[in-house]
Amino acid sequence: MECKILNIWLRNLLLNFTPEQFKMFKDFTSQLDVEQSMFPFPDGEERLVLRTPHSDICFTFSITEWEDFQMAMEEAEYMQQVYQLIHH
């Protein structure tokens, strides 16, 4: 709580955000057009490709992984609100 950093951990992905960065990232991902971001991969599965500000780093998600990721961010936002209520 004191460091003011939100951590999103999902399998092999760990993202760290300030509250402001988290809000911007969550807004960005919630507006993402999933259909436009899906691409076929060599193993035959389609995956969502999430580009990052670093052109050579992208994250990929199956639909289930993307839904889990979105749920993790919803939970993080909810917990952020709970902590704010407790500490203010």
Protein backbone atom coordinates (compact mmCIF):
# COMPACT_ATOMS: atom_id res chain seq x y z
CA MET A 1 0.00 0.00 0.00
CA GLU A 2 2.78 2.43 0.88
CA CYS A 3 4.63 2.00 -2.41
CA LYS A 4 1.53 3.02 -4.40
CA ILE A 5 2.17 0.34 -7.01
CA LEU A 6 -0.44 -2.03 -8.42
CA ASN A 7 0.77 -5.45 -9.47
CA ILE A 8 -1.13 -7.59 -11.95
CA TRP A 9 0.10 -11.16 -11.89
CA LEU A 10 -1.36 -13.71 -14.29
CA ARG A 11 0.58 -16.92 -14.91
CA ASN A 12 3.94 -15.82 -16.33
CA LEU A 13 3.02 -12.14 -16.64
CA LEU A 14 3.76 -9.57 -13.93
CA LEU A 15 2.90 -5.95 -14.63
CA ASN A 16 3.56 -3.04 -12.25
CA PHE A 17 1.68 0.24 -12.45
CA THR A 18 1.22 3.45 -10.57
CA PRO A 19 -2.51 4.08 -10.02
CA GLU A 20 -2.55 6.53 -12.94
CA GLN A 21 -0.72 4.14 -15.26
CA PHE A 22 -3.08 1.35 -14.28
CA LYS A 23 -6.16 3.42 -15.11
CA MET A 24 -4.74 4.35 -18.51
CA PHE A 25 -3.76 0.74 -19.26
CA LYS A 26 -7.12 -0.64 -18.14
CA ASP A 27 -8.98 1.96 -20.23
CA PHE A 28 -6.82 1.10 -23.23
CA THR A 29 -7.32 -2.67 -22.93
CA SER A 30 -11.05 -2.40 -22.29
CA GLN A 31 -11.46 -0.44 -25.54
CA LEU A 32 -9.38 -2.91 -27.55
CA ASP A 33 -11.21 -4.44 -30.51
CA VAL A 34 -10.69 -8.12 -29.77
CA GLU A 35 -11.66 -9.26 -33.29
CA GLN A 36 -9.15 -6.86 -34.88
CA SER A 37 -6.42 -8.04 -32.50
CA MET A 38 -6.76 -11.79 -33.14
CA PHE A 39 -4.16 -13.52 -35.30
CA PRO A 40 -3.55 -17.17 -36.21
CA PHE A 41 -0.42 -18.73 -34.71
CA PRO A 42 1.64 -21.65 -36.06
CA ASP A 43 0.05 -24.06 -33.55
CA GLY A 44 -3.35 -23.43 -35.15
CA GLU A 45 -4.76 -21.36 -32.30
CA GLU A 46 -5.86 -17.77 -32.72
CA ARG A 47 -4.49 -15.40 -30.11
CA LEU A 48 -5.05 -11.79 -29.23
CA VAL A 49 -1.90 -9.74 -29.69
CA LEU A 50 -1.47 -6.83 -27.31
CA ARG A 51 1.15 -4.42 -28.51
CA THR A 52 3.20 -2.46 -25.99
CA PRO A 53 4.94 0.91 -26.27
CA HIS A 54 8.11 -1.09 -27.00
CA SER A 55 7.73 -2.11 -30.63
CA ASP A 56 9.60 -5.37 -30.15
CA ILE A 57 7.53 -6.53 -27.14
CA CYS A 58 3.98 -7.85 -27.52
CA PHE A 59 1.84 -10.01 -25.27
CA THR A 60 -0.36 -12.77 -26.64
CA PHE A 61 -3.48 -14.23 -25.08
CA SER A 62 -5.92 -16.97 -25.94
CA ILE A 63 -9.52 -15.80 -25.51
CA THR A 64 -9.68 -17.54 -22.12
CA GLU A 65 -6.40 -15.96 -21.03
CA TRP A 66 -7.63 -12.54 -22.18
CA GLU A 67 -10.84 -12.93 -20.19
CA ASP A 68 -8.80 -13.98 -17.12
CA PHE A 69 -6.53 -10.98 -17.63
CA GLN A 70 -9.48 -8.61 -17.88
CA MET A 71 -10.96 -10.16 -14.72
CA ALA A 72 -7.64 -9.71 -12.88
CA MET A 73 -7.65 -6.03 -13.79
CA GLU A 74 -11.26 -5.67 -12.63
CA GLU A 75 -10.28 -7.25 -9.31
CA ALA A 76 -7.28 -4.93 -9.01
CA GLU A 77 -9.46 -1.91 -9.63
CA TYR A 78 -11.97 -3.14 -7.04
CA MET A 79 -9.24 -3.73 -4.45
CA GLN A 80 -7.80 -0.29 -5.17
CA GLN A 81 -11.21 1.19 -4.32
CA VAL A 82 -11.42 -0.90 -1.12
CA TYR A 83 -7.95 0.27 0.00
CA GLN A 84 -8.88 3.87 -0.71
CA LEU A 85 -11.99 3.55 1.45
CA ILE A 86 -10.05 1.95 4.29
CA HIS A 87 -7.21 4.46 4.26
CA HIS A 88 -9.16 7.68 3.74
